[in-house]
Amino acid sequence: MKLFSKKNWKTKGLEVINSHFGKKRTYETFLRIDPSVAEKYLRFISRNSNATYIQWDRSIQNFRY
């Protein structure tokens, strides 16, 4: 059983991103450079909406805070 359906986590993540200037700018940059990283960023933000100082971990190819 999934906690969020696909639409719900995307909606939640986009709400958080659009309400914060820095997160929105970062997301838009990732969309231009690498859409797969942008989707990972969106998933991370939907799960960790209060995260600050988010970093990309190159060794595991995922975000952390």
C-alpha atoms as a PDB file:
ATOM      1  CA  MET A   1       0.000   0.000   0.000  1.00  0.00           C
ATOM      2  CA  LYS A   2       1.373   3.394  -0.974  1.00  0.00           C
ATOM      3  CA  LEU A   3       1.227   6.382   1.300  1.00  0.00           C
ATOM      4  CA  PHE A   4       0.642   8.877  -1.540  1.00  0.00           C
ATOM      5  CA  SER A   5      -0.595   8.285  -5.035  1.00  0.00           C
ATOM      6  CA  LYS A   6       1.547   9.631  -7.866  1.00  0.00           C
ATOM      7  CA  LYS A   7      -0.595  12.730  -8.252  1.00  0.00           C
ATOM      8  CA  ASN A   8      -0.637  13.508  -4.530  1.00  0.00           C
ATOM      9  CA  TRP A   9       3.146  13.544  -4.011  1.00  0.00           C
ATOM     10  CA  LYS A  10       3.688  15.642  -7.118  1.00  0.00           C
ATOM     11  CA  THR A  11       1.026  18.120  -6.021  1.00  0.00           C
ATOM     12  CA  LYS A  12       2.396  18.299  -2.495  1.00  0.00           C
ATOM     13  CA  GLY A  13       5.969  18.736  -3.725  1.00  0.00           C
ATOM     14  CA  LEU A  14       5.026  21.455  -6.195  1.00  0.00           C
ATOM     15  CA  GLU A  15       3.081  23.335  -3.511  1.00  0.00           C
ATOM     16  CA  VAL A  16       6.144  23.379  -1.254  1.00  0.00           C
ATOM     17  CA  ILE A  17       8.476  24.324  -4.117  1.00  0.00           C
ATOM     18  CA  ASN A  18       6.248  27.123  -5.412  1.00  0.00           C
ATOM     19  CA  SER A  19       5.905  28.636  -1.953  1.00  0.00           C
ATOM     20  CA  HIS A  20       9.682  28.992  -1.494  1.00  0.00           C
ATOM     21  CA  PHE A  21      11.763  31.149  -3.875  1.00  0.00           C
ATOM     22  CA  GLY A  22      15.026  29.230  -3.457  1.00  0.00           C
ATOM     23  CA  LYS A  23      13.463  25.799  -3.882  1.00  0.00           C
ATOM     24  CA  LYS A  24      11.541  26.987  -6.941  1.00  0.00           C
ATOM     25  CA  ARG A  25      14.677  28.390  -8.543  1.00  0.00           C
ATOM     26  CA  THR A  26      16.595  25.190  -7.811  1.00  0.00           C
ATOM     27  CA  TYR A  27      13.808  23.019  -9.238  1.00  0.00           C
ATOM     28  CA  GLU A  28      13.620  25.100 -12.430  1.00  0.00           C
ATOM     29  CA  THR A  29      17.400  24.872 -12.832  1.00  0.00           C
ATOM     30  CA  PHE A  30      17.279  21.091 -12.476  1.00  0.00           C
ATOM     31  CA  LEU A  31      14.476  20.942 -15.051  1.00  0.00           C
ATOM     32  CA  ARG A  32      16.675  22.737 -17.585  1.00  0.00           C
ATOM     33  CA  ILE A  33      19.856  20.787 -16.841  1.00  0.00           C
ATOM     34  CA  ASP A  34      18.662  17.259 -15.975  1.00  0.00           C
ATOM     35  CA  PRO A  35      14.943  16.391 -15.699  1.00  0.00           C
ATOM     36  CA  SER A  36      15.634  13.098 -13.893  1.00  0.00           C
ATOM     37  CA  VAL A  37      17.376  14.972 -11.067  1.00  0.00           C
ATOM     38  CA  ALA A  38      14.466  17.430 -11.002  1.00  0.00           C
ATOM     39  CA  GLU A  39      12.051  14.545 -10.419  1.00  0.00           C
ATOM     40  CA  LYS A  40      14.254  13.198  -7.596  1.00  0.00           C
ATOM     41  CA  TYR A  41      14.282  16.700  -6.094  1.00  0.00           C
ATOM     42  CA  LEU A  42      10.491  16.866  -6.330  1.00  0.00           C
ATOM     43  CA  ARG A  43      10.141  13.465  -4.620  1.00  0.00           C
ATOM     44  CA  PHE A  44      12.567  14.503  -1.881  1.00  0.00           C
ATOM     45  CA  ILE A  45      10.724  17.771  -1.234  1.00  0.00           C
ATOM     46  CA  SER A  46       7.349  16.016  -1.116  1.00  0.00           C
ATOM     47  CA  ARG A  47       8.666  13.665   1.593  1.00  0.00           C
ATOM     48  CA  ASN A  48      10.766  16.251   3.478  1.00  0.00           C
ATOM     49  CA  SER A  49       8.876  19.516   3.157  1.00  0.00           C
ATOM     50  CA  ASN A  50      10.690  21.168   6.094  1.00  0.00           C
ATOM     51  CA  ALA A  51      14.196  20.268   4.919  1.00  0.00           C
ATOM     52  CA  THR A  52      16.759  23.053   4.725  1.00  0.00           C
ATOM     53  CA  TYR A  53      20.265  23.011   3.220  1.00  0.00           C
ATOM     54  CA  ILE A  54      19.497  20.208   0.793  1.00  0.00           C
ATOM     55  CA  GLN A  55      22.521  18.603  -0.848  1.00  0.00           C
ATOM     56  CA  TRP A  56      23.021  16.248  -3.772  1.00  0.00           C
ATOM     57  CA  ASP A  57      24.996  13.158  -2.775  1.00  0.00           C
ATOM     58  CA  ARG A  58      26.934  12.055  -5.849  1.00  0.00           C
ATOM     59  CA  SER A  59      27.907   8.654  -4.478  1.00  0.00           C
ATOM     60  CA  ILE A  60      24.312   7.473  -3.981  1.00  0.00           C
ATOM     61  CA  GLN A  61      22.738   9.763  -6.622  1.00  0.00           C
ATOM     62  CA  ASN A  62      20.144  11.142  -4.229  1.00  0.00           C
ATOM     63  CA  PHE A  63      19.354  14.193  -2.117  1.00  0.00           C
ATOM     64  CA  ARG A  64      19.983  14.519   1.603  1.00  0.00           C
ATOM     65  CA  TYR A  65      19.843  17.188   4.260  1.00  0.00           C
END
